[in-house]
Amino acid sequence: MKHIKILIASAVFVLTFLVCTLLFYASNMVMHGYIKNMAEDIILHTIKNDIYYNYTDESYEEAGYSLYPEIFAVDSEYNAIYDDENINYNFYRYNYYTETDKKIVDWCRQNTEKDKILRVLAGSSNYYVYQSVGKLVKKEDFYDAVPPNSSEEGISVIWIVYVDVTSQELIINKVNSVLIFVMLFCTLTAGFLGTIIGRAVEFNQKRQKEFFENASHELKTPLMSIQGYAEGIETGVVNDVPKAAAVIINESTKMAALVDEILSLSRLESGALHIKIQELSLREVIYDCLYALEAEFAKKGIALEEDIKDVFINADLKQFETVVVNILSNALRHADKSVKITADEERLVIYNDGESISDEDIKHVFERFYTGKKGSTGIGMALTKEIIKKHGWHITVKGIADGTQFIIYFNKKLQKGR
C-alpha cells in the first residue's frame, strides 16, 4: 500500500488528539463538578442549619469545608436595610459593605429567581449565589434598632448567600494550561511515533515483497530445469533418461531444502518454533556435520583443518546442526584450497581461504537472498543468524588478509569485550 507511512502517522496523530481532547474535557468536567458540588453543599449547609444569624467560620470548618460563604440580607427591593455602617454588631448582616456584595446584589436585582443556587460570572470572578424567598423579621426582633423602612409587623428580608470560587477557577485554568501543553506534547509525540511505525511497516512490506520476489525466482530456476527435462523425456528429445532423472532429483532436493529453510525461518520469527536446549558435545555435532559434507569437500578438493576441543555446550541439536552446515556450506562455496575449524567452550570459528569478504558484503551477508560477488546467498545465512539470536549467542564475520572468518560467540560478553 502506497503512502502507508503518512496514513499511519495521521491515524495515530488524530486518535491521540481525540483521546487527549476527551481526557481534557473529562478532567474539566470533574474539576468544575467538584467545585460546583462543594459550593452547593456549603450553601445547602447554610440553609439547612438556618445559620444566617449564627454564622461562624468554625461551623463550616467543623463540617469539613475549606470555603466559607458570605451572608447578608436585603429588603424586597434589594436595598440595604440599614444605611449606617456603624450599626450594632448584632445586625451587621442587614447591610452590605464590599464591592463584591454590591456586585452580587446588582446581579440579584436582574435575576430574581428565588430559592435556587445559580452560578454567576462577573468579569473574571466566579460565584455560586442563593437568594431566599422573602422572610418576615418582626419589629421587636430588632430591639431598639428598628430599620427606618419597617412596617408595624416588621420587614420582609431576602437572605443572600454566595460562595466565591474565583481562586479555585484560577487553579483550574492553570491546570488546563498544563494539560494543554501535555496534550500537544503527547499528540506531536504520537505523530512522530506514528511516522516511525509507518516507516517500519513500509520497510517490512518492502522486505516481504522482495522476499516473495526472490523466493519465486529461487524456486523458478529449479522448476524450469525440472520442467525442461521432464518435457524432454516425454517427447523423447532426451536420450539419457538416467541423467535427466538425476537432474530432476537434484533440483527437487534444492527446492525442498529452500522451502524447508523458508518455513523454519518463518516459524522462528513468529515464535512457533521453540528451541529445545540440551547439553551437546561440540566435537560430536561438528563431526556429524562434516560427515554430511564429506562428499562436497572431496568433490571440490578442499582441504580441511580442525582444532575442536572436547567440550559441551547448551543448544538445540537440530538447529545448531543447521547453523554449522550453513556456515560450512558457505565456506566451501568461497574457499580456494582449504577450510579451517577451531572451537572451544567460548567460540566456534570457521575460516576459508577464499577472497576476503568486502565491507559491503559484511553489511548484508545475513540478509535474505542477498546477492554478492558469487551469487545469491539464499536465506541460509539469515536463518543462521536467527537461530543464533534465539540461543542468546552472537555471530560476526571478518574479512582478513588471506580469507574470511565466521565467528560464533557462545557468550555475548566475550564478543563485547573484543
Protein backbone atom coordinates (compact mmCIF):
# COMPACT_ATOMS: atom_id res chain seq x y z
CA MET A 1 0.00 0.00 0.00
CA LYS A 2 1.39 3.39 -1.02
CA HIS A 3 1.80 6.23 1.48
CA ILE A 4 1.13 3.88 4.40
CA LYS A 5 3.63 5.86 6.50
CA ILE A 6 1.53 9.02 6.11
CA LEU A 7 -1.72 7.13 6.76
CA ILE A 8 -0.45 5.51 9.96
CA ALA A 9 1.12 8.74 11.23
CA SER A 10 -2.11 10.65 10.53
CA ALA A 11 -4.27 7.98 12.15
CA VAL A 12 -2.10 7.86 15.30
CA PHE A 13 -1.99 11.68 15.45
CA VAL A 14 -5.77 12.08 15.10
CA LEU A 15 -6.56 9.24 17.51
CA THR A 16 -4.18 10.63 20.14
CA PHE A 17 -5.59 14.13 19.69
CA LEU A 18 -9.16 12.83 20.14
CA VAL A 19 -8.21 10.80 23.24
CA CYS A 20 -6.35 13.77 24.76
CA THR A 21 -9.27 16.08 23.98
CA LEU A 22 -11.73 13.71 25.62
CA LEU A 23 -9.49 13.41 28.68
CA PHE A 24 -9.14 17.20 28.78
CA TYR A 25 -12.89 17.75 28.76
CA ALA A 26 -13.47 14.90 31.18
CA SER A 27 -10.93 16.30 33.66
CA ASN A 28 -12.53 19.75 33.35
CA MET A 29 -15.95 18.31 33.99
CA VAL A 30 -14.64 16.55 37.09
CA MET A 31 -12.86 19.66 38.43
CA HIS A 32 -15.74 22.04 37.73
CA GLY A 33 -18.18 19.46 39.07
CA TYR A 34 -16.18 19.20 42.28
CA ILE A 35 -16.19 22.98 42.80
CA LYS A 36 -19.90 23.21 41.96
CA ASN A 37 -20.79 20.43 44.37
CA MET A 38 -18.65 21.94 47.13
CA ALA A 39 -20.19 25.41 46.71
CA GLU A 40 -23.70 23.99 46.60
CA ASP A 41 -23.02 21.85 49.68
CA ILE A 42 -21.82 24.92 51.59
CA ILE A 43 -24.93 26.90 50.64
CA LEU A 44 -27.23 23.97 51.43
CA HIS A 45 -25.47 23.54 54.75
CA THR A 46 -26.24 27.18 55.49
CA ILE A 47 -29.90 26.84 54.51
CA LYS A 48 -30.44 23.50 56.24
CA ASN A 49 -29.00 24.66 59.55
CA ASP A 50 -30.58 28.14 59.34
CA ILE A 51 -27.32 29.77 60.34
CA TYR A 52 -27.98 33.14 58.76
CA TYR A 53 -27.85 34.52 62.27
CA ASN A 54 -25.38 32.08 63.81
CA TYR A 55 -22.80 32.00 61.04
CA THR A 56 -19.16 31.44 62.05
CA ASP A 57 -16.13 30.13 60.13
CA GLU A 58 -15.74 27.43 62.76
CA SER A 59 -19.17 25.98 61.95
CA TYR A 60 -18.03 25.33 58.39
CA GLU A 61 -14.61 24.00 59.38
CA GLU A 62 -16.32 21.53 61.69
CA ALA A 63 -18.48 20.42 58.72
CA GLY A 64 -15.29 19.79 56.68
CA TYR A 65 -15.49 22.73 54.26
CA SER A 66 -12.46 24.73 53.14
CA LEU A 67 -14.53 27.62 51.77
CA TYR A 68 -16.91 29.92 53.64
CA PRO A 69 -19.98 31.72 52.34
CA GLU A 70 -20.82 35.39 52.59
CA ILE A 71 -24.28 36.05 54.06
CA PHE A 72 -26.33 39.24 54.26
CA ALA A 73 -29.96 40.42 54.00
CA VAL A 74 -31.68 42.98 51.78
CA ASP A 75 -35.23 44.21 51.63
CA SER A 76 -37.69 43.24 48.93
CA GLU A 77 -36.26 45.97 46.65
CA TYR A 78 -32.69 44.70 47.15
CA ASN A 79 -31.77 47.74 49.16
CA ALA A 80 -29.70 47.68 52.30
CA ILE A 81 -31.91 47.50 55.37
CA TYR A 82 -29.58 49.86 57.20
CA ASP A 83 -27.57 52.66 55.69
CA ASP A 84 -25.48 53.11 58.78
CA GLU A 85 -22.23 51.18 58.54
CA ASN A 86 -21.74 51.64 62.30
CA ILE A 87 -24.81 49.64 63.17
CA ASN A 88 -24.90 47.44 66.23
CA TYR A 89 -22.85 44.26 65.60
CA ASN A 90 -25.91 42.08 66.19
CA PHE A 91 -27.45 43.46 63.00
CA TYR A 92 -24.43 43.88 60.75
CA ARG A 93 -25.73 41.23 58.35
CA TYR A 94 -28.57 43.58 57.48
CA ASN A 95 -26.23 45.67 55.40
CA TYR A 96 -23.69 45.03 52.65
CA TYR A 97 -20.35 46.71 52.51
CA THR A 98 -17.89 45.27 49.98
CA GLU A 99 -17.75 45.85 46.25
CA THR A 100 -18.35 42.14 45.76
CA ASP A 101 -21.52 42.33 47.89
CA LYS A 102 -22.77 45.21 45.76
CA LYS A 103 -21.93 43.31 42.58
CA ILE A 104 -23.92 40.28 43.79
CA VAL A 105 -26.88 42.47 44.80
CA ASP A 106 -26.92 44.11 41.35
CA TRP A 107 -26.99 40.66 39.77
CA CYS A 108 -29.83 39.53 42.07
CA ARG A 109 -31.87 42.60 41.05
CA GLN A 110 -31.64 41.43 37.46
CA ASN A 111 -32.19 37.75 38.29
CA THR A 112 -34.94 37.49 40.86
CA GLU A 113 -35.32 33.70 40.75
CA LYS A 114 -35.57 32.58 44.36
CA ASP A 115 -34.65 29.51 46.33
CA LYS A 116 -32.17 28.24 43.71
CA ILE A 117 -28.39 28.01 43.59
CA LEU A 118 -27.07 29.65 40.44
CA ARG A 119 -23.61 30.22 39.02
CA VAL A 120 -22.69 33.86 38.45
CA LEU A 121 -19.89 35.02 36.16
CA ALA A 122 -18.94 38.61 36.90
CA GLY A 123 -15.96 39.61 34.80
CA SER A 124 -13.09 37.33 35.82
CA SER A 125 -14.84 36.32 39.05
CA ASN A 126 -16.98 33.25 39.67
CA TYR A 127 -19.64 32.82 42.33
CA TYR A 128 -22.42 30.50 43.34
CA VAL A 129 -25.38 32.53 44.62
CA TYR A 130 -28.53 31.71 46.50
CA GLN A 131 -31.34 34.15 47.37
CA SER A 132 -34.15 33.12 49.66
CA VAL A 133 -37.80 33.95 49.37
CA GLY A 134 -38.90 36.91 51.46
CA LYS A 135 -38.90 36.23 55.20
CA LEU A 136 -40.65 38.44 57.74
CA VAL A 137 -38.48 39.72 60.58
CA LYS A 138 -40.70 41.10 63.32
CA LYS A 139 -40.23 44.64 64.52
CA GLU A 140 -39.48 43.59 68.09
CA ASP A 141 -36.62 41.37 66.90
CA PHE A 142 -34.67 44.50 66.11
CA TYR A 143 -35.00 45.78 69.71
CA ASP A 144 -34.11 49.46 69.70
CA ALA A 145 -32.58 49.37 66.19
CA VAL A 146 -35.72 49.12 64.07
CA PRO A 147 -34.97 49.72 60.38
CA PRO A 148 -36.36 53.01 59.07
CA ASN A 149 -38.49 51.35 56.37
CA SER A 150 -40.03 48.76 58.70
CA SER A 151 -43.84 48.40 58.89
CA GLU A 152 -45.84 47.73 62.01
CA GLU A 153 -45.39 43.96 61.55
CA GLY A 154 -41.73 44.19 60.70
CA ILE A 155 -39.83 43.93 57.43
CA SER A 156 -39.61 41.27 54.71
CA VAL A 157 -35.98 40.42 54.06
CA ILE A 158 -34.25 38.36 51.37
CA TRP A 159 -31.22 36.46 52.54
CA ILE A 160 -28.40 36.28 50.00
CA VAL A 161 -25.76 33.59 50.38
CA TYR A 162 -22.85 33.38 47.99
CA VAL A 163 -19.58 31.48 47.70
CA ASP A 164 -16.62 32.97 45.84
CA VAL A 165 -14.89 30.22 43.82
CA THR A 166 -12.68 32.54 41.75
CA SER A 167 -9.43 31.24 43.25
CA GLN A 168 -10.46 27.63 42.56
CA GLU A 169 -11.31 28.53 38.96
CA LEU A 170 -7.89 30.16 38.58
CA ILE A 171 -6.28 26.93 39.75
CA ILE A 172 -8.32 25.03 37.15
CA ASN A 173 -7.13 27.48 34.47
CA LYS A 174 -3.51 26.82 35.46
CA VAL A 175 -4.12 23.09 35.43
CA ASN A 176 -5.72 23.47 31.98
CA SER A 177 -2.63 25.27 30.70
CA VAL A 178 -0.51 22.34 31.83
CA LEU A 179 -2.99 19.85 30.36
CA ILE A 180 -2.99 21.66 27.01
CA PHE A 181 0.81 21.58 26.93
CA VAL A 182 0.79 17.86 27.81
CA MET A 183 -1.92 17.22 25.22
CA LEU A 184 0.08 18.96 22.49
CA PHE A 185 3.26 17.17 23.53
CA CYS A 186 1.54 13.76 23.53
CA THR A 187 -0.15 14.45 20.20
CA LEU A 188 3.07 15.56 18.50
CA THR A 189 4.99 12.68 20.06
CA ALA A 190 2.31 10.25 18.90
CA GLY A 191 2.51 11.70 15.39
CA PHE A 192 6.28 11.25 15.43
CA LEU A 193 5.97 7.67 16.71
CA GLY A 194 3.28 7.04 14.11
CA THR A 195 5.73 8.16 11.43
CA ILE A 196 8.34 5.74 12.80
CA ILE A 197 5.81 2.90 12.93
CA GLY A 198 4.61 3.72 9.42
CA ARG A 199 8.18 3.74 8.16
CA ALA A 200 8.77 0.35 9.81
CA VAL A 201 5.59 -1.05 8.25
CA GLU A 202 6.61 0.28 4.85
CA PHE A 203 10.05 -1.26 5.28
CA ASN A 204 8.58 -4.62 6.32
CA GLN A 205 6.19 -4.55 3.38
CA LYS A 206 9.08 -3.79 1.07
CA ARG A 207 11.09 -6.64 2.60
CA GLN A 208 8.15 -9.03 2.24
CA LYS A 209 7.70 -8.03 -1.38
CA GLU A 210 11.41 -8.52 -2.07
CA PHE A 211 11.34 -11.81 -0.16
CA PHE A 212 8.50 -13.24 -2.23
CA GLU A 213 10.05 -11.99 -5.44
CA ASN A 214 13.40 -13.55 -4.56
CA ALA A 215 11.81 -16.76 -3.29
CA SER A 216 9.82 -17.03 -6.50
CA HIS A 217 13.00 -16.53 -8.51
CA GLU A 218 14.94 -19.11 -6.46
CA LEU A 219 12.14 -21.66 -6.88
CA LYS A 220 11.58 -20.85 -10.54
CA THR A 221 15.14 -21.80 -11.55
CA PRO A 222 14.97 -25.46 -10.40
CA LEU A 223 11.37 -25.71 -11.56
CA MET A 224 12.37 -24.70 -15.08
CA SER A 225 15.11 -27.35 -15.07
CA ILE A 226 12.68 -29.99 -13.82
CA GLN A 227 10.06 -28.94 -16.38
CA GLY A 228 12.60 -28.89 -19.24
CA TYR A 229 13.96 -32.37 -18.53
CA ALA A 230 10.50 -33.78 -17.87
CA GLU A 231 9.21 -32.47 -21.19
CA GLY A 232 12.37 -33.79 -22.91
CA ILE A 233 11.73 -37.25 -21.51
CA GLU A 234 8.07 -37.06 -22.51
CA THR A 235 8.79 -36.02 -26.11
CA GLY A 236 11.80 -38.32 -26.50
CA VAL A 237 14.22 -35.44 -27.04
CA VAL A 238 16.31 -36.50 -24.02
CA ASN A 239 18.02 -39.80 -24.69
CA ASP A 240 19.96 -40.11 -21.44
CA VAL A 241 16.98 -40.66 -19.13
CA PRO A 242 19.00 -41.64 -16.02
CA LYS A 243 20.99 -38.38 -16.27
CA ALA A 244 17.77 -36.37 -16.71
CA ALA A 245 16.25 -38.14 -13.73
CA ALA A 246 19.32 -37.31 -11.63
CA VAL A 247 18.99 -33.63 -12.57
CA ILE A 248 15.29 -33.66 -11.65
CA ILE A 249 16.05 -35.31 -8.31
CA ASN A 250 18.87 -32.84 -7.60
CA GLU A 251 16.74 -29.79 -8.42
CA SER A 252 13.82 -31.17 -6.41
CA THR A 253 16.17 -31.60 -3.44
CA LYS A 254 17.25 -27.95 -3.78
CA MET A 255 13.63 -26.84 -3.87
CA ALA A 256 12.74 -28.93 -0.84
CA ALA A 257 15.71 -27.52 1.08
CA LEU A 258 14.76 -23.94 0.18
CA VAL A 259 11.13 -24.45 1.19
CA ASP A 260 12.26 -26.05 4.45
CA GLU A 261 14.53 -23.06 5.19
CA ILE A 262 11.71 -20.62 4.44
CA LEU A 263 9.35 -22.48 6.77
CA SER A 264 11.99 -22.75 9.50
CA LEU A 265 12.78 -19.01 9.32
CA SER A 266 9.09 -18.13 9.38
CA ARG A 267 8.44 -20.34 12.43
CA LEU A 268 11.47 -18.92 14.26
CA GLU A 269 10.46 -15.31 13.65
CA SER A 270 6.85 -15.94 14.65
CA GLY A 271 7.83 -17.84 17.80
CA ALA A 272 6.08 -21.02 16.61
CA LEU A 273 9.37 -22.94 16.57
CA HIS A 274 10.64 -23.44 20.10
CA ILE A 275 14.29 -24.04 20.95
CA LYS A 276 14.85 -27.27 22.90
CA ILE A 277 18.04 -26.75 24.86
CA GLN A 278 20.14 -29.76 25.84
CA GLU A 279 23.78 -30.44 26.67
CA LEU A 280 25.69 -31.33 23.50
CA SER A 281 29.22 -32.43 22.72
CA LEU A 282 30.56 -29.67 20.48
CA ARG A 283 33.06 -32.02 18.82
CA GLU A 284 30.45 -34.71 18.03
CA VAL A 285 27.97 -32.25 16.50
CA ILE A 286 30.62 -30.65 14.26
CA TYR A 287 31.97 -34.06 13.18
CA ASP A 288 28.43 -35.17 12.24
CA CYS A 289 28.03 -32.05 10.12
CA LEU A 290 31.42 -32.58 8.46
CA TYR A 291 30.47 -36.17 7.67
CA ALA A 292 27.36 -34.94 5.84
CA LEU A 293 29.52 -32.59 3.74
CA GLU A 294 32.43 -35.00 3.19
CA ALA A 295 31.49 -35.66 -0.43
CA GLU A 296 31.36 -31.93 -1.18
CA PHE A 297 34.82 -31.39 0.30
CA ALA A 298 36.17 -34.24 -1.82
CA LYS A 299 34.39 -33.07 -4.97
CA LYS A 300 35.85 -29.56 -4.72
CA GLY A 301 39.25 -30.75 -3.48
CA ILE A 302 39.08 -28.56 -0.39
CA ALA A 303 41.42 -29.49 2.47
CA LEU A 304 40.01 -29.45 5.99
CA GLU A 305 41.89 -28.42 9.11
CA GLU A 306 40.26 -28.69 12.51
CA ASP A 307 41.08 -27.99 16.12
CA ILE A 308 37.93 -28.80 18.07
CA LYS A 309 38.08 -29.10 21.84
CA ASP A 310 36.09 -31.85 23.53
CA VAL A 311 33.73 -29.50 25.40
CA PHE A 312 29.97 -29.30 25.95
CA ILE A 313 27.55 -26.51 25.11
CA ASN A 314 23.83 -25.99 25.73
CA ALA A 315 21.94 -25.81 22.44
CA ASP A 316 19.12 -27.20 20.31
CA LEU A 317 20.69 -30.11 18.42
CA LYS A 318 18.78 -29.77 15.15
CA GLN A 319 19.04 -26.00 14.98
CA PHE A 320 22.74 -25.94 15.89
CA GLU A 321 23.43 -28.52 13.16
CA THR A 322 21.62 -26.22 10.70
CA VAL A 323 23.90 -23.34 11.76
CA VAL A 324 27.09 -25.36 11.36
CA VAL A 325 26.08 -26.86 7.99
CA ASN A 326 25.05 -23.45 6.62
CA ILE A 327 28.34 -21.78 7.58
CA LEU A 328 30.41 -24.74 6.35
CA SER A 329 28.49 -24.77 3.04
CA ASN A 330 29.17 -21.06 2.66
CA ALA A 331 32.87 -21.65 3.43
CA LEU A 332 33.02 -24.44 0.81
CA ARG A 333 31.42 -22.18 -1.80
CA HIS A 334 34.04 -19.45 -1.30
CA ALA A 335 37.16 -21.45 -0.38
CA ASP A 336 40.09 -21.80 -2.80
CA LYS A 337 42.05 -24.61 -1.15
CA SER A 338 41.17 -25.03 2.50
CA VAL A 339 38.66 -24.59 5.31
CA LYS A 340 39.70 -24.47 8.96
CA ILE A 341 37.53 -25.05 12.03
CA THR A 342 38.57 -24.12 15.56
CA ALA A 343 36.20 -24.47 18.51
CA ASP A 344 36.20 -24.38 22.30
CA GLU A 345 33.73 -23.58 25.08
CA GLU A 346 33.77 -19.85 24.18
CA ARG A 347 33.55 -19.70 20.40
CA LEU A 348 33.35 -21.51 17.07
CA VAL A 349 35.45 -20.12 14.21
CA ILE A 350 35.05 -21.30 10.60
CA TYR A 351 37.65 -19.91 8.18
CA ASN A 352 38.00 -20.23 4.42
CA ASP A 353 41.00 -19.13 2.35
CA GLY A 354 38.95 -17.59 -0.43
CA GLU A 355 38.75 -13.94 -1.31
CA SER A 356 38.42 -11.72 1.77
CA ILE A 357 34.83 -10.59 2.23
CA SER A 358 34.29 -6.90 1.43
CA ASP A 359 32.94 -4.36 3.91
CA GLU A 360 29.83 -4.01 1.73
CA ASP A 361 29.16 -7.76 1.79
CA ILE A 362 29.67 -7.84 5.58
CA LYS A 363 26.78 -5.36 5.94
CA HIS A 364 24.38 -7.59 4.01
CA VAL A 365 25.67 -11.16 4.39
CA PHE A 366 22.89 -12.10 6.84
CA GLU A 367 20.09 -10.62 4.72
CA ARG A 368 17.69 -12.87 2.85
CA PHE A 369 18.63 -13.58 -0.76
CA TYR A 370 21.49 -11.10 -0.70
CA THR A 371 23.37 -11.25 -3.99
CA GLY A 372 27.12 -10.83 -3.60
CA LYS A 373 30.00 -11.39 -5.99
CA LYS A 374 29.35 -15.14 -6.07
CA GLY A 375 25.59 -15.01 -6.46
CA SER A 376 22.64 -15.14 -4.06
CA THR A 377 23.14 -16.37 -0.50
CA GLY A 378 19.53 -17.60 -0.35
CA ILE A 379 18.15 -17.48 3.16
CA GLY A 380 20.62 -19.87 4.78
CA MET A 381 22.65 -17.13 6.47
CA ALA A 382 19.53 -15.23 7.55
CA LEU A 383 18.24 -18.45 9.13
CA THR A 384 21.63 -18.98 10.78
CA LYS A 385 21.60 -15.55 12.42
CA GLU A 386 18.02 -16.01 13.66
CA ILE A 387 18.86 -19.37 15.28
CA ILE A 388 21.96 -17.89 16.95
CA LYS A 389 19.87 -14.97 18.22
CA LYS A 390 17.32 -17.39 19.70
CA HIS A 391 20.14 -19.11 21.61
CA GLY A 392 21.32 -15.81 23.05
CA TRP A 393 24.64 -16.05 21.17
CA HIS A 394 26.30 -13.69 18.71
CA ILE A 395 27.72 -14.19 15.22
CA THR A 396 30.10 -11.95 13.35
CA VAL A 397 32.03 -12.14 10.08
CA LYS A 398 35.50 -10.74 9.43
CA GLY A 399 37.48 -10.19 6.28
CA ILE A 400 41.17 -10.92 6.91
CA ALA A 401 44.20 -10.71 4.66
CA ASP A 402 44.05 -14.29 3.39
CA GLY A 403 40.36 -15.17 3.70
CA THR A 404 37.14 -14.84 5.67
CA GLN A 405 36.15 -15.88 9.20
CA PHE A 406 32.70 -16.56 10.65
CA ILE A 407 32.79 -16.48 14.45
CA ILE A 408 30.02 -17.65 16.78
CA TYR A 409 30.39 -16.43 20.36
CA PHE A 410 28.57 -18.70 22.77
CA ASN A 411 28.67 -15.88 25.34
CA LYS A 412 27.79 -12.36 24.23
CA LYS A 413 30.01 -10.81 26.90
CA LEU A 414 33.07 -12.32 25.21
CA GLN A 415 32.19 -10.64 21.92
CA LYS A 416 31.57 -7.24 23.57
CA GLY A 417 34.97 -7.30 25.16
CA ARG A 418 36.74 -7.74 21.82
